[in-house]
Amino acid sequence: MRHGAEEEFTAFVHAQSASLFRTAYLLTGDHRRAEDLLRRTLVKVCLHWPRVSAMEQPRGFARRVLVHEVVSLWHRRPSEGPPMVLREGDSASRVVWDAVLTLPPRQRAVLVLRHYEGLTGAETADVLGIAVGSVESHAHAAGLRLADLLAGRGSAPRTEGAA
């Protein structure tokens, strides 16, 4: 790395790790997987830091790398969904989140990027490598599925100790 680049990268990691971890957790529903995905993402960003640091939006690049790592994980382990375990202090928001975790991966990714990360449809499409129309289609389908789940018309989210 060039002189000062290590300090810049360290500052980037300190500034962006919490946000990137949150995205990884929201996409996987698992702390350990999220930590692993964050580490892999930061290694990839570090390896390309001279180019990444010159970008207008280095955080956007890191988010894109993270999402690609998550999608890669889904392709390697398609039968493994995120754990859907209710914890102490359950609330209505936890019930909603458990329902979100039952969505297909692409629909879940669209919801996380649009509603938790605050990305526009175009930004979400760019991160996921799909068309804006596909983002809207996934968001619409996810909304319908969540409405059915929360109204009790779909499969209920799994809870701890459920068969």
Protein backbone atom coordinates (compact mmCIF):
# COMPACT_ATOMS: atom_id res chain seq x y z
CA MET A 1 0.00 0.00 0.00
CA ARG A 2 1.13 3.56 -0.69
CA HIS A 3 2.15 5.81 2.19
CA GLY A 4 -0.94 6.76 4.19
CA ALA A 5 -3.14 4.16 2.52
CA GLU A 6 -3.04 1.87 5.54
CA GLU A 7 -4.32 4.67 7.77
CA GLU A 8 -7.04 5.51 5.23
CA PHE A 9 -8.14 1.89 5.08
CA THR A 10 -8.15 1.62 8.87
CA ALA A 11 -10.30 4.75 9.09
CA PHE A 12 -12.65 3.30 6.45
CA VAL A 13 -12.97 0.05 8.42
CA HIS A 14 -13.75 1.94 11.64
CA ALA A 15 -16.31 4.14 9.90
CA GLN A 16 -18.08 1.45 7.84
CA SER A 17 -17.83 -1.86 9.72
CA ALA A 18 -20.97 -1.40 11.83
CA SER A 19 -23.11 -0.54 8.81
CA LEU A 20 -21.69 -3.37 6.71
CA PHE A 21 -22.15 -5.84 9.57
CA ARG A 22 -25.77 -4.71 9.99
CA THR A 23 -26.43 -5.33 6.29
CA ALA A 24 -24.78 -8.77 6.46
CA TYR A 25 -26.82 -9.67 9.53
CA LEU A 26 -30.08 -8.47 8.01
CA LEU A 27 -29.39 -10.52 4.88
CA THR A 28 -28.39 -13.71 6.72
CA GLY A 29 -30.08 -13.52 10.12
CA ASP A 30 -26.96 -15.04 11.70
CA HIS A 31 -24.27 -13.19 13.70
CA ARG A 32 -21.46 -15.62 12.92
CA ARG A 33 -22.16 -15.65 9.20
CA ALA A 34 -22.42 -11.87 9.22
CA GLU A 35 -19.04 -11.56 10.95
CA ASP A 36 -17.46 -13.98 8.47
CA LEU A 37 -18.98 -12.14 5.51
CA LEU A 38 -17.78 -8.80 6.89
CA ARG A 39 -14.23 -10.15 7.25
CA ARG A 40 -14.22 -11.55 3.71
CA THR A 41 -15.60 -8.29 2.36
CA LEU A 42 -13.00 -6.19 4.13
CA VAL A 43 -10.18 -8.44 2.89
CA LYS A 44 -11.39 -8.00 -0.69
CA VAL A 45 -11.72 -4.24 -0.25
CA CYS A 46 -8.22 -4.09 1.28
CA LEU A 47 -6.71 -6.01 -1.63
CA HIS A 48 -8.09 -3.37 -4.00
CA TRP A 49 -7.81 -0.37 -1.67
CA PRO A 50 -5.81 1.91 -4.01
CA ARG A 51 -8.55 1.63 -6.63
CA VAL A 52 -11.42 1.61 -4.09
CA SER A 53 -10.16 4.67 -2.21
CA ALA A 54 -10.14 6.63 -5.47
CA MET A 55 -13.83 5.84 -6.07
CA GLU A 56 -16.53 8.40 -5.44
CA GLN A 57 -18.40 5.94 -3.17
CA PRO A 58 -16.02 3.42 -1.56
CA ARG A 59 -18.81 2.42 0.87
CA GLY A 60 -21.04 1.54 -2.08
CA PHE A 61 -18.31 -0.66 -3.53
CA ALA A 62 -17.85 -2.42 -0.18
CA ARG A 63 -21.62 -2.94 0.11
CA ARG A 64 -21.68 -4.43 -3.40
CA VAL A 65 -18.84 -6.83 -2.49
CA LEU A 66 -20.71 -7.81 0.68
CA VAL A 67 -23.97 -8.49 -1.14
CA HIS A 68 -22.12 -10.58 -3.73
CA GLU A 69 -20.55 -12.58 -0.89
CA VAL A 70 -24.02 -13.18 0.59
CA VAL A 71 -25.47 -14.22 -2.78
CA SER A 72 -22.51 -16.56 -3.24
CA LEU A 73 -23.27 -18.08 0.16
CA TRP A 74 -26.91 -18.61 -0.88
CA HIS A 75 -25.75 -20.40 -4.03
CA ARG A 76 -23.35 -22.64 -2.11
CA ARG A 77 -25.94 -23.53 0.56
CA PRO A 78 -29.37 -23.08 -1.04
CA SER A 79 -31.12 -25.38 1.42
CA GLU A 80 -29.73 -23.51 4.41
CA GLY A 81 -31.93 -20.61 5.27
CA PRO A 82 -31.14 -18.16 8.01
CA PRO A 83 -32.10 -19.21 11.53
CA MET A 84 -35.51 -17.93 12.55
CA VAL A 85 -35.40 -18.04 16.32
CA LEU A 86 -37.43 -15.82 18.60
CA ARG A 87 -35.41 -14.40 21.46
CA GLU A 88 -36.21 -12.87 24.84
CA GLY A 89 -38.22 -9.68 24.68
CA ASP A 90 -40.08 -10.64 21.50
CA SER A 91 -42.07 -7.81 20.04
CA ALA A 92 -44.21 -7.12 17.01
CA SER A 93 -41.07 -6.02 15.14
CA ARG A 94 -39.46 -9.40 15.87
CA VAL A 95 -42.50 -11.17 14.42
CA VAL A 96 -42.22 -9.02 11.29
CA TRP A 97 -38.50 -9.72 11.05
CA ASP A 98 -39.07 -13.47 11.38
CA ALA A 99 -41.53 -13.20 8.50
CA VAL A 100 -38.94 -11.29 6.44
CA LEU A 101 -36.44 -14.09 7.04
CA THR A 102 -38.80 -16.58 5.38
CA LEU A 103 -38.74 -14.65 2.09
CA PRO A 104 -36.68 -15.95 -0.83
CA PRO A 105 -33.13 -14.53 -0.75
CA ARG A 106 -33.56 -12.02 -3.59
CA GLN A 107 -36.78 -10.59 -2.11
CA ARG A 108 -35.13 -10.35 1.31
CA ALA A 109 -32.10 -8.60 -0.21
CA VAL A 110 -34.33 -6.06 -1.96
CA LEU A 111 -36.20 -5.28 1.26
CA VAL A 112 -33.02 -4.95 3.31
CA LEU A 113 -31.29 -2.70 0.79
CA ARG A 114 -34.37 -0.54 0.10
CA HIS A 115 -35.89 -0.22 3.57
CA TYR A 116 -33.06 -0.81 6.04
CA GLU A 117 -30.18 0.65 4.07
CA GLY A 118 -32.28 3.36 2.40
CA LEU A 119 -31.05 2.73 -1.15
CA THR A 120 -33.07 3.87 -4.14
CA GLY A 121 -34.44 1.36 -6.62
CA ALA A 122 -31.61 2.16 -9.02
CA GLU A 123 -28.95 1.79 -6.30
CA THR A 124 -30.47 -1.52 -5.20
CA ALA A 125 -30.53 -2.75 -8.78
CA ASP A 126 -26.86 -1.79 -9.18
CA VAL A 127 -25.80 -3.57 -5.98
CA LEU A 128 -27.71 -6.74 -6.88
CA GLY A 129 -26.82 -6.62 -10.58
CA ILE A 130 -30.46 -6.71 -11.70
CA ALA A 131 -32.82 -4.33 -13.51
CA VAL A 132 -34.74 -1.64 -11.65
CA GLY A 133 -37.96 -3.32 -12.79
CA SER A 134 -36.82 -6.55 -11.15
CA VAL A 135 -36.18 -4.66 -7.91
CA GLU A 136 -39.74 -3.34 -8.00
CA SER A 137 -41.12 -6.78 -8.87
CA HIS A 138 -39.24 -8.42 -5.98
CA ALA A 139 -40.35 -5.66 -3.60
CA HIS A 140 -43.98 -6.07 -4.65
CA ALA A 141 -43.88 -9.87 -4.34
CA ALA A 142 -42.19 -9.59 -0.93
CA GLY A 143 -44.86 -7.16 0.27
CA LEU A 144 -47.65 -9.52 -0.79
CA ARG A 145 -45.92 -12.49 0.84
CA LEU A 146 -45.34 -10.58 4.09
CA ALA A 147 -48.97 -9.46 4.17
CA ASP A 148 -50.10 -13.08 3.82
CA LEU A 149 -47.67 -14.30 6.48
CA LEU A 150 -48.60 -11.60 8.96
CA ALA A 151 -52.32 -12.11 8.35
CA GLY A 152 -51.87 -15.82 9.08
CA ARG A 153 -52.53 -16.96 5.51
CA GLY A 154 -49.02 -18.28 4.92
CA SER A 155 -46.59 -20.50 6.75
CA ALA A 156 -45.73 -19.10 10.14
CA PRO A 157 -42.10 -18.33 10.94
CA ARG A 158 -40.30 -21.07 12.85
CA THR A 159 -39.70 -20.45 16.54
CA GLU A 160 -37.23 -21.92 18.96
CA GLY A 161 -38.08 -25.49 19.77
CA ALA A 162 -40.58 -25.80 16.91
CA ALA A 163 -40.72 -29.08 15.07
